[in-house]
Amino acid sequence: MIERFLSLPLLSQILLVYFIAVNVVSFFYFGLDKLKAELGSRRVSERRLWALALLGGSLGAFLGMNFFRHKTQKASFQAILLLIFLVQIAVVFLLMQ
């Protein structure tokens, strides 16, 4: 697996590491916001969560939302997150053509 990764062009390696990192950060930000909500402390803003999704972390955001059961009842938040995810999927699909 490492050999396959190292055989990729440098830009592909950088992008792959970036997208893994931003998705991991997105995932854990949902956990952090859930913890802060339970403790009654200052929360992570929805704008920050959406920004992480826009920066490529939409899959991590969806996984974090479901894993931590956080913001799953807020339809408007889910709709915006879904829109971001679908646009990103469309962009990836178009780039692969």
PDB file of N, CA and C in Angstrom:
ATOM      1  N   MET A   1       0.828  -1.195   0.000  1.00  0.00           N
ATOM      2  CA  MET A   1       0.000   0.000   0.000  1.00  0.00           C
ATOM      3  C   MET A   1       0.872   1.258   0.000  1.00  0.00           C
ATOM      4  N   ILE A   2       1.918   1.256   0.808  1.00  0.00           N
ATOM      5  CA  ILE A   2       2.839   2.398   0.838  1.00  0.00           C
ATOM      6  C   ILE A   2       3.512   2.566  -0.517  1.00  0.00           C
ATOM      7  N   GLU A   3       3.872   1.438  -1.145  1.00  0.00           N
ATOM      8  CA  GLU A   3       4.529   1.511  -2.449  1.00  0.00           C
ATOM      9  C   GLU A   3       3.605   2.160  -3.480  1.00  0.00           C
ATOM     10  N   ARG A   4       2.334   1.800  -3.409  1.00  0.00           N
ATOM     11  CA  ARG A   4       1.366   2.383  -4.348  1.00  0.00           C
ATOM     12  C   ARG A   4       1.238   3.881  -4.115  1.00  0.00           C
ATOM     13  N   PHE A   5       1.162   4.294  -2.841  1.00  0.00           N
ATOM     14  CA  PHE A   5       1.079   5.714  -2.512  1.00  0.00           C
ATOM     15  C   PHE A   5       2.312   6.453  -3.021  1.00  0.00           C
ATOM     16  N   LEU A   6       3.485   5.888  -2.790  1.00  0.00           N
ATOM     17  CA  LEU A   6       4.727   6.542  -3.203  1.00  0.00           C
ATOM     18  C   LEU A   6       4.897   6.576  -4.715  1.00  0.00           C
ATOM     19  N   SER A   7       4.187   5.703  -5.422  1.00  0.00           N
ATOM     20  CA  SER A   7       4.274   5.701  -6.883  1.00  0.00           C
ATOM     21  C   SER A   7       3.387   6.774  -7.517  1.00  0.00           C
ATOM     22  N   LEU A   8       2.515   7.376  -6.724  1.00  0.00           N
ATOM     23  CA  LEU A   8       1.665   8.455  -7.235  1.00  0.00           C
ATOM     24  C   LEU A   8       2.500   9.703  -7.484  1.00  0.00           C
ATOM     25  N   PRO A   9       2.052  10.567  -8.401  1.00  0.00           N
ATOM     26  CA  PRO A   9       2.737  11.852  -8.569  1.00  0.00           C
ATOM     27  C   PRO A   9       2.678  12.655  -7.264  1.00  0.00           C
ATOM     28  N   LEU A  10       3.645  13.530  -7.066  1.00  0.00           N
ATOM     29  CA  LEU A  10       3.746  14.287  -5.819  1.00  0.00           C
ATOM     30  C   LEU A  10       2.470  15.071  -5.524  1.00  0.00           C
ATOM     31  N   LEU A  11       1.890  15.715  -6.529  1.00  0.00           N
ATOM     32  CA  LEU A  11       0.662  16.484  -6.308  1.00  0.00           C
ATOM     33  C   LEU A  11      -0.464  15.580  -5.813  1.00  0.00           C
ATOM     34  N   SER A  12      -0.572  14.394  -6.366  1.00  0.00           N
ATOM     35  CA  SER A  12      -1.597  13.446  -5.918  1.00  0.00           C
ATOM     36  C   SER A  12      -1.355  13.021  -4.478  1.00  0.00           C
ATOM     37  N   GLN A  13      -0.098  12.813  -4.112  1.00  0.00           N
ATOM     38  CA  GLN A  13       0.234  12.463  -2.729  1.00  0.00           C
ATOM     39  C   GLN A  13      -0.184  13.577  -1.777  1.00  0.00           C
ATOM     40  N   ILE A  14       0.150  14.805  -2.145  1.00  0.00           N
ATOM     41  CA  ILE A  14      -0.186  15.958  -1.300  1.00  0.00           C
ATOM     42  C   ILE A  14      -1.694  16.089  -1.152  1.00  0.00           C
ATOM     43  N   LEU A  15      -2.424  15.980  -2.261  1.00  0.00           N
ATOM     44  CA  LEU A  15      -3.883  16.104  -2.212  1.00  0.00           C
ATOM     45  C   LEU A  15      -4.517  14.989  -1.391  1.00  0.00           C
ATOM     46  N   LEU A  16      -4.014  13.785  -1.525  1.00  0.00           N
ATOM     47  CA  LEU A  16      -4.554  12.661  -0.763  1.00  0.00           C
ATOM     48  C   LEU A  16      -4.349  12.873   0.734  1.00  0.00           C
ATOM     49  N   VAL A  17      -3.154  13.280   1.123  1.00  0.00           N
ATOM     50  CA  VAL A  17      -2.872  13.547   2.539  1.00  0.00           C
ATOM     51  C   VAL A  17      -3.741  14.695   3.035  1.00  0.00           C
ATOM     52  N   TYR A  18      -3.889  15.739   2.210  1.00  0.00           N
ATOM     53  CA  TYR A  18      -4.721  16.886   2.590  1.00  0.00           C
ATOM     54  C   TYR A  18      -6.165  16.447   2.846  1.00  0.00           C
ATOM     55  N   PHE A  19      -6.747  15.703   1.902  1.00  0.00           N
ATOM     56  CA  PHE A  19      -8.153  15.325   2.049  1.00  0.00           C
ATOM     57  C   PHE A  19      -8.376  14.361   3.211  1.00  0.00           C
ATOM     58  N   ILE A  20      -7.442  13.485   3.455  1.00  0.00           N
ATOM     59  CA  ILE A  20      -7.556  12.621   4.633  1.00  0.00           C
ATOM     60  C   ILE A  20      -7.524  13.476   5.892  1.00  0.00           C
ATOM     61  N   ALA A  21      -6.581  14.415   5.953  1.00  0.00           N
ATOM     62  CA  ALA A  21      -6.437  15.264   7.144  1.00  0.00           C
ATOM     63  C   ALA A  21      -7.674  16.123   7.379  1.00  0.00           C
ATOM     64  N   VAL A  22      -8.196  16.776   6.338  1.00  0.00           N
ATOM     65  CA  VAL A  22      -9.344  17.668   6.529  1.00  0.00           C
ATOM     66  C   VAL A  22     -10.592  16.867   6.905  1.00  0.00           C
ATOM     67  N   ASN A  23     -10.712  15.646   6.427  1.00  0.00           N
ATOM     68  CA  ASN A  23     -11.854  14.814   6.810  1.00  0.00           C
ATOM     69  C   ASN A  23     -11.737  14.319   8.243  1.00  0.00           C
ATOM     70  N   VAL A  24     -10.533  13.994   8.682  1.00  0.00           N
ATOM     71  CA  VAL A  24     -10.328  13.598  10.081  1.00  0.00           C
ATOM     72  C   VAL A  24     -10.632  14.775  11.001  1.00  0.00           C
ATOM     73  N   VAL A  25     -10.163  15.966  10.627  1.00  0.00           N
ATOM     74  CA  VAL A  25     -10.436  17.164  11.433  1.00  0.00           C
ATOM     75  C   VAL A  25     -11.938  17.436  11.483  1.00  0.00           C
ATOM     76  N   SER A  26     -12.622  17.348  10.345  1.00  0.00           N
ATOM     77  CA  SER A  26     -14.078  17.553  10.304  1.00  0.00           C
ATOM     78  C   SER A  26     -14.790  16.574  11.226  1.00  0.00           C
ATOM     79  N   PHE A  27     -14.408  15.324  11.141  1.00  0.00           N
ATOM     80  CA  PHE A  27     -15.010  14.289  11.979  1.00  0.00           C
ATOM     81  C   PHE A  27     -14.881  14.656  13.459  1.00  0.00           C
ATOM     82  N   PHE A  28     -13.674  14.995  13.882  1.00  0.00           N
ATOM     83  CA  PHE A  28     -13.453  15.275  15.298  1.00  0.00           C
ATOM     84  C   PHE A  28     -14.051  16.606  15.744  1.00  0.00           C
ATOM     85  N   TYR A  29     -14.228  17.553  14.825  1.00  0.00           N
ATOM     86  CA  TYR A  29     -14.894  18.799  15.202  1.00  0.00           C
ATOM     87  C   TYR A  29     -16.352  18.548  15.571  1.00  0.00           C
ATOM     88  N   PHE A  30     -16.991  17.577  14.927  1.00  0.00           N
ATOM     89  CA  PHE A  30     -18.359  17.234  15.319  1.00  0.00           C
ATOM     90  C   PHE A  30     -18.374  16.633  16.716  1.00  0.00           C
ATOM     91  N   GLY A  31     -17.385  15.811  17.014  1.00  0.00           N
ATOM     92  CA  GLY A  31     -17.282  15.260  18.364  1.00  0.00           C
ATOM     93  C   GLY A  31     -17.006  16.341  19.394  1.00  0.00           C
ATOM     94  N   LEU A  32     -16.140  17.287  19.048  1.00  0.00           N
ATOM     95  CA  LEU A  32     -15.826  18.394  19.948  1.00  0.00           C
ATOM     96  C   LEU A  32     -17.063  19.244  20.210  1.00  0.00           C
ATOM     97  N   ASP A  33     -17.814  19.550  19.157  1.00  0.00           N
ATOM     98  CA  ASP A  33     -19.020  20.363  19.331  1.00  0.00           C
ATOM     99  C   ASP A  33     -20.057  19.627  20.171  1.00  0.00           C
ATOM    100  N   LYS A  34     -20.186  18.329  19.965  1.00  0.00           N
ATOM    101  CA  LYS A  34     -21.122  17.531  20.771  1.00  0.00           C
ATOM    102  C   LYS A  34     -20.715  17.570  22.246  1.00  0.00           C
ATOM    103  N   LEU A  35     -19.428  17.401  22.521  1.00  0.00           N
ATOM    104  CA  LEU A  35     -18.934  17.444  23.896  1.00  0.00           C
ATOM    105  C   LEU A  35     -19.182  18.811  24.522  1.00  0.00           C
ATOM    106  N   LYS A  36     -18.901  19.870  23.764  1.00  0.00           N
ATOM    107  CA  LYS A  36     -19.129  21.221  24.277  1.00  0.00           C
ATOM    108  C   LYS A  36     -20.610  21.465  24.536  1.00  0.00           C
ATOM    109  N   ALA A  37     -21.470  20.924  23.697  1.00  0.00           N
ATOM    110  CA  ALA A  37     -22.913  21.070  23.906  1.00  0.00           C
ATOM    111  C   ALA A  37     -23.334  20.378  25.197  1.00  0.00           C
ATOM    112  N   GLU A  38     -22.806  19.197  25.432  1.00  0.00           N
ATOM    113  CA  GLU A  38     -23.156  18.459  26.651  1.00  0.00           C
ATOM    114  C   GLU A  38     -22.620  19.138  27.905  1.00  0.00           C
ATOM    115  N   LEU A  39     -21.456  19.791  27.789  1.00  0.00           N
ATOM    116  CA  LEU A  39     -20.853  20.474  28.939  1.00  0.00           C
ATOM    117  C   LEU A  39     -21.388  21.887  29.140  1.00  0.00           C
ATOM    118  N   GLY A  40     -22.139  22.372  28.163  1.00  0.00           N
ATOM    119  CA  GLY A  40     -22.687  23.722  28.251  1.00  0.00           C
ATOM    120  C   GLY A  40     -21.653  24.811  28.017  1.00  0.00           C
ATOM    121  N   SER A  41     -20.561  24.481  27.347  1.00  0.00           N
ATOM    122  CA  SER A  41     -19.538  25.495  27.070  1.00  0.00           C
ATOM    123  C   SER A  41     -19.715  26.053  25.661  1.00  0.00           C
ATOM    124  N   ARG A  42     -18.871  27.009  25.314  1.00  0.00           N
ATOM    125  CA  ARG A  42     -18.981  27.676  24.015  1.00  0.00           C
ATOM    126  C   ARG A  42     -18.809  26.662  22.886  1.00  0.00           C
ATOM    127  N   ARG A  43     -19.739  26.696  21.943  1.00  0.00           N
ATOM    128  CA  ARG A  43     -19.823  25.698  20.880  1.00  0.00           C
ATOM    129  C   ARG A  43     -18.981  26.067  19.673  1.00  0.00           C
ATOM    130  N   VAL A  44     -18.771  25.089  18.822  1.00  0.00           N
ATOM    131  CA  VAL A  44     -18.161  25.297  17.513  1.00  0.00           C
ATOM    132  C   VAL A  44     -19.260  25.856  16.613  1.00  0.00           C
ATOM    133  N   SER A  45     -18.970  26.930  15.906  1.00  0.00           N
ATOM    134  CA  SER A  45     -20.006  27.549  15.077  1.00  0.00           C
ATOM    135  C   SER A  45     -20.348  26.663  13.876  1.00  0.00           C
ATOM    136  N   GLU A  46     -21.592  26.785  13.434  1.00  0.00           N
ATOM    137  CA  GLU A  46     -22.004  26.041  12.243  1.00  0.00           C
ATOM    138  C   GLU A  46     -21.190  26.487  11.041  1.00  0.00           C
ATOM    139  N   ARG A  47     -20.854  27.762  10.992  1.00  0.00           N
ATOM    140  CA  ARG A  47     -20.029  28.252   9.880  1.00  0.00           C
ATOM    141  C   ARG A  47     -18.688  27.531   9.822  1.00  0.00           C
ATOM    142  N   ARG A  48     -18.097  27.287  10.982  1.00  0.00           N
ATOM    143  CA  ARG A  48     -16.814  26.574  11.008  1.00  0.00           C
ATOM    144  C   ARG A  48     -17.001  25.137  10.524  1.00  0.00           C
ATOM    145  N   LEU A  49     -18.080  24.494  10.943  1.00  0.00           N
ATOM    146  CA  LEU A  49     -18.337  23.122  10.497  1.00  0.00           C
ATOM    147  C   LEU A  49     -18.577  23.081   8.990  1.00  0.00           C
ATOM    148  N   TRP A  50     -19.327  24.056   8.482  1.00  0.00           N
ATOM    149  CA  TRP A  50     -19.553  24.123   7.031  1.00  0.00           C
ATOM    150  C   TRP A  50     -18.259  24.440   6.299  1.00  0.00           C
ATOM    151  N   ALA A  51     -17.429  25.318   6.861  1.00  0.00           N
ATOM    152  CA  ALA A  51     -16.156  25.674   6.228  1.00  0.00           C
ATOM    153  C   ALA A  51     -15.265  24.444   6.090  1.00  0.00           C
ATOM    154  N   LEU A  52     -15.213  23.632   7.134  1.00  0.00           N
ATOM    155  CA  LEU A  52     -14.422  22.401   7.049  1.00  0.00           C
ATOM    156  C   LEU A  52     -14.964  21.490   5.949  1.00  0.00           C
ATOM    157  N   ALA A  53     -16.282  21.422   5.835  1.00  0.00           N
ATOM    158  CA  ALA A  53     -16.885  20.617   4.771  1.00  0.00           C
ATOM    159  C   ALA A  53     -16.536  21.199   3.403  1.00  0.00           C
ATOM    160  N   LEU A  54     -16.615  22.516   3.266  1.00  0.00           N
ATOM    161  CA  LEU A  54     -16.286  23.170   1.997  1.00  0.00           C
ATOM    162  C   LEU A  54     -14.832  22.962   1.599  1.00  0.00           C
ATOM    163  N   LEU A  55     -13.965  22.886   2.582  1.00  0.00           N
ATOM    164  CA  LEU A  55     -12.538  22.695   2.314  1.00  0.00           C
ATOM    165  C   LEU A  55     -12.198  21.253   1.947  1.00  0.00           C
ATOM    166  N   GLY A  56     -13.218  20.417   1.828  1.00  0.00           N
ATOM    167  CA  GLY A  56     -13.004  19.041   1.398  1.00  0.00           C
ATOM    168  C   GLY A  56     -13.334  18.007   2.452  1.00  0.00           C
ATOM    169  N   GLY A  57     -13.834  18.438   3.602  1.00  0.00           N
ATOM    170  CA  GLY A  57     -14.110  17.511   4.689  1.00  0.00           C
ATOM    171  C   GLY A  57     -15.557  17.099   4.817  1.00  0.00           C
ATOM    172  N   SER A  58     -16.299  17.120   3.729  1.00  0.00           N
ATOM    173  CA  SER A  58     -17.732  16.815   3.816  1.00  0.00           C
ATOM    174  C   SER A  58     -17.998  15.359   4.204  1.00  0.00           C
ATOM    175  N   LEU A  59     -17.194  14.439   3.732  1.00  0.00           N
ATOM    176  CA  LEU A  59     -17.397  13.039   4.114  1.00  0.00           C
ATOM    177  C   LEU A  59     -17.122  12.854   5.608  1.00  0.00           C
ATOM    178  N   GLY A  60     -16.051  13.450   6.103  1.00  0.00           N
ATOM    179  CA  GLY A  60     -15.749  13.387   7.531  1.00  0.00           C
ATOM    180  C   GLY A  60     -16.833  14.038   8.360  1.00  0.00           C
ATOM    181  N   ALA A  61     -17.418  15.122   7.821  1.00  0.00           N
ATOM    182  CA  ALA A  61     -18.509  15.802   8.522  1.00  0.00           C
ATOM    183  C   ALA A  61     -19.726  14.882   8.634  1.00  0.00           C
ATOM    184  N   PHE A  62     -20.094  14.221   7.535  1.00  0.00           N
ATOM    185  CA  PHE A  62     -21.229  13.291   7.578  1.00  0.00           C
ATOM    186  C   PHE A  62     -20.967  12.132   8.535  1.00  0.00           C
ATOM    187  N   LEU A  63     -19.768  11.591   8.466  1.00  0.00           N
ATOM    188  CA  LEU A  63     -19.438  10.476   9.358  1.00  0.00           C
ATOM    189  C   LEU A  63     -19.450  10.919  10.813  1.00  0.00           C
ATOM    190  N   GLY A  64     -18.892  12.096  11.090  1.00  0.00           N
ATOM    191  CA  GLY A  64     -18.883  12.616  12.456  1.00  0.00           C
ATOM    192  C   GLY A  64     -20.281  12.916  12.960  1.00  0.00           C
ATOM    193  N   MET A  65     -21.104  13.484  12.091  1.00  0.00           N
ATOM    194  CA  MET A  65     -22.473  13.807  12.470  1.00  0.00           C
ATOM    195  C   MET A  65     -23.220  12.537  12.887  1.00  0.00           C
ATOM    196  N   ASN A  66     -23.049  11.477  12.138  1.00  0.00           N
ATOM    197  CA  ASN A  66     -23.749  10.231  12.452  1.00  0.00           C
ATOM    198  C   ASN A  66     -23.095   9.465  13.596  1.00  0.00           C
ATOM    199  N   PHE A  67     -21.775   9.445  13.650  1.00  0.00           N
ATOM    200  CA  PHE A  67     -21.083   8.720  14.712  1.00  0.00           C
ATOM    201  C   PHE A  67     -21.377   9.326  16.077  1.00  0.00           C
ATOM    202  N   PHE A  68     -21.312  10.662  16.156  1.00  0.00           N
ATOM    203  CA  PHE A  68     -21.543  11.343  17.430  1.00  0.00           C
ATOM    204  C   PHE A  68     -23.016  11.679  17.655  1.00  0.00           C
ATOM    205  N   ARG A  69     -23.861  11.368  16.666  1.00  0.00           N
ATOM    206  CA  ARG A  69     -25.291  11.702  16.717  1.00  0.00           C
ATOM    207  C   ARG A  69     -25.472  13.175  17.064  1.00  0.00           C
ATOM    208  N   HIS A  70     -24.818  14.003  16.251  1.00  0.00           N
ATOM    209  CA  HIS A  70     -24.811  15.437  16.512  1.00  0.00           C
ATOM    210  C   HIS A  70     -25.309  16.184  15.284  1.00  0.00           C
ATOM    211  N   LYS A  71     -26.256  17.066  15.492  1.00  0.00           N
ATOM    212  CA  LYS A  71     -26.894  17.866  14.446  1.00  0.00           C
ATOM    213  C   LYS A  71     -27.687  16.994  13.474  1.00  0.00           C
ATOM    214  N   THR A  72     -28.098  15.840  13.918  1.00  0.00           N
ATOM    215  CA  THR A  72     -28.858  14.947  13.042  1.00  0.00           C
ATOM    216  C   THR A  72     -30.331  15.333  12.960  1.00  0.00           C
ATOM    217  N   GLN A  73     -30.796  16.171  13.857  1.00  0.00           N
ATOM    218  CA  GLN A  73     -32.194  16.594  13.842  1.00  0.00           C
ATOM    219  C   GLN A  73     -32.388  17.948  13.172  1.00  0.00           C
ATOM    220  N   LYS A  74     -31.306  18.622  12.841  1.00  0.00           N
ATOM    221  CA  LYS A  74     -31.391  19.964  12.266  1.00  0.00           C
ATOM    222  C   LYS A  74     -31.380  19.855  10.737  1.00  0.00           C
ATOM    223  N   ALA A  75     -32.568  19.896  10.147  1.00  0.00           N
ATOM    224  CA  ALA A  75     -32.721  19.666   8.709  1.00  0.00           C
ATOM    225  C   ALA A  75     -31.991  20.704   7.869  1.00  0.00           C
ATOM    226  N   SER A  76     -32.012  21.964   8.273  1.00  0.00           N
ATOM    227  CA  SER A  76     -31.349  23.001   7.478  1.00  0.00           C
ATOM    228  C   SER A  76     -29.842  22.781   7.441  1.00  0.00           C
ATOM    229  N   PHE A  77     -29.269  22.377   8.552  1.00  0.00           N
ATOM    230  CA  PHE A  77     -27.832  22.103   8.596  1.00  0.00           C
ATOM    231  C   PHE A  77     -27.498  20.920   7.691  1.00  0.00           C
ATOM    232  N   GLN A  78     -28.298  19.875   7.779  1.00  0.00           N
ATOM    233  CA  GLN A  78     -28.069  18.685   6.959  1.00  0.00           C
ATOM    234  C   GLN A  78     -28.214  18.991   5.475  1.00  0.00           C
ATOM    235  N   ALA A  79     -29.171  19.842   5.124  1.00  0.00           N
ATOM    236  CA  ALA A  79     -29.396  20.178   3.718  1.00  0.00           C
ATOM    237  C   ALA A  79     -28.187  20.900   3.131  1.00  0.00           C
ATOM    238  N   ILE A  80     -27.642  21.844   3.869  1.00  0.00           N
ATOM    239  CA  ILE A  80     -26.471  22.576   3.381  1.00  0.00           C
ATOM    240  C   ILE A  80     -25.277  21.636   3.272  1.00  0.00           C
ATOM    241  N   LEU A  81     -25.097  20.784   4.262  1.00  0.00           N
ATOM    242  CA  LEU A  81     -23.992  19.826   4.233  1.00  0.00           C
ATOM    243  C   LEU A  81     -24.144  18.861   3.058  1.00  0.00           C
ATOM    244  N   LEU A  82     -25.356  18.411   2.805  1.00  0.00           N
ATOM    245  CA  LEU A  82     -25.605  17.522   1.669  1.00  0.00           C
ATOM    246  C   LEU A  82     -25.308  18.230   0.349  1.00  0.00           C
ATOM    247  N   LEU A  83     -25.704  19.480   0.227  1.00  0.00           N
ATOM    248  CA  LEU A  83     -25.426  20.252  -0.985  1.00  0.00           C
ATOM    249  C   LEU A  83     -23.917  20.367  -1.218  1.00  0.00           C
ATOM    250  N   ILE A  84     -23.174  20.679  -0.168  1.00  0.00           N
ATOM    251  CA  ILE A  84     -21.711  20.765  -0.273  1.00  0.00           C
ATOM    252  C   ILE A  84     -21.144  19.429  -0.746  1.00  0.00           C
ATOM    253  N   PHE A  85     -21.606  18.347  -0.145  1.00  0.00           N
ATOM    254  CA  PHE A  85     -21.124  17.011  -0.490  1.00  0.00           C
ATOM    255  C   PHE A  85     -21.420  16.683  -1.954  1.00  0.00           C
ATOM    256  N   LEU A  86     -22.637  16.956  -2.403  1.00  0.00           N
ATOM    257  CA  LEU A  86     -23.018  16.641  -3.784  1.00  0.00           C
ATOM    258  C   LEU A  86     -22.220  17.455  -4.792  1.00  0.00           C
ATOM    259  N   VAL A  87     -21.976  18.719  -4.490  1.00  0.00           N
ATOM    260  CA  VAL A  87     -21.158  19.553  -5.380  1.00  0.00           C
ATOM    261  C   VAL A  87     -19.742  18.990  -5.458  1.00  0.00           C
ATOM    262  N   GLN A  88     -19.198  18.584  -4.318  1.00  0.00           N
ATOM    263  CA  GLN A  88     -17.850  18.018  -4.324  1.00  0.00           C
ATOM    264  C   GLN A  88     -17.792  16.715  -5.113  1.00  0.00           C
ATOM    265  N   ILE A  89     -18.795  15.883  -4.979  1.00  0.00           N
ATOM    266  CA  ILE A  89     -18.848  14.633  -5.752  1.00  0.00           C
ATOM    267  C   ILE A  89     -18.921  14.948  -7.247  1.00  0.00           C
ATOM    268  N   ALA A  90     -19.724  15.934  -7.622  1.00  0.00           N
ATOM    269  CA  ALA A  90     -19.842  16.319  -9.028  1.00  0.00           C
ATOM    270  C   ALA A  90     -18.510  16.834  -9.568  1.00  0.00           C
ATOM    271  N   VAL A  91     -17.810  17.630  -8.778  1.00  0.00           N
ATOM    272  CA  VAL A  91     -16.509  18.161  -9.204  1.00  0.00           C
ATOM    273  C   VAL A  91     -15.514  17.019  -9.407  1.00  0.00           C
ATOM    274  N   VAL A  92     -15.471  16.092  -8.474  1.00  0.00           N
ATOM    275  CA  VAL A  92     -14.561  14.944  -8.604  1.00  0.00           C
ATOM    276  C   VAL A  92     -14.917  14.138  -9.848  1.00  0.00           C
ATOM    277  N   PHE A  93     -16.204  13.916 -10.065  1.00  0.00           N
ATOM    278  CA  PHE A  93     -16.646  13.166 -11.241  1.00  0.00           C
ATOM    279  C   PHE A  93     -16.214  13.869 -12.523  1.00  0.00           C
ATOM    280  N   LEU A  94     -16.404  15.182 -12.590  1.00  0.00           N
ATOM    281  CA  LEU A  94     -16.023  15.942 -13.786  1.00  0.00           C
ATOM    282  C   LEU A  94     -14.513  15.932 -14.001  1.00  0.00           C
ATOM    283  N   LEU A  95     -13.752  16.008 -12.925  1.00  0.00           N
ATOM    284  CA  LEU A  95     -12.294  15.991 -13.050  1.00  0.00           C
ATOM    285  C   LEU A  95     -11.765  14.640 -13.515  1.00  0.00           C
ATOM    286  N   MET A  96     -12.521  13.594 -13.255  1.00  0.00           N
ATOM    287  CA  MET A  96     -12.085  12.254 -13.643  1.00  0.00           C
ATOM    288  C   MET A  96     -12.453  11.919 -15.086  1.00  0.00           C
ATOM    289  N   GLN A  97     -13.198  12.776 -15.746  1.00  0.00           N
ATOM    290  CA  GLN A  97     -13.608  12.534 -17.132  1.00  0.00           C
ATOM    291  C   GLN A  97     -12.453  12.720 -18.090  1.00  0.00           C
TER     292      GLN A  97
END
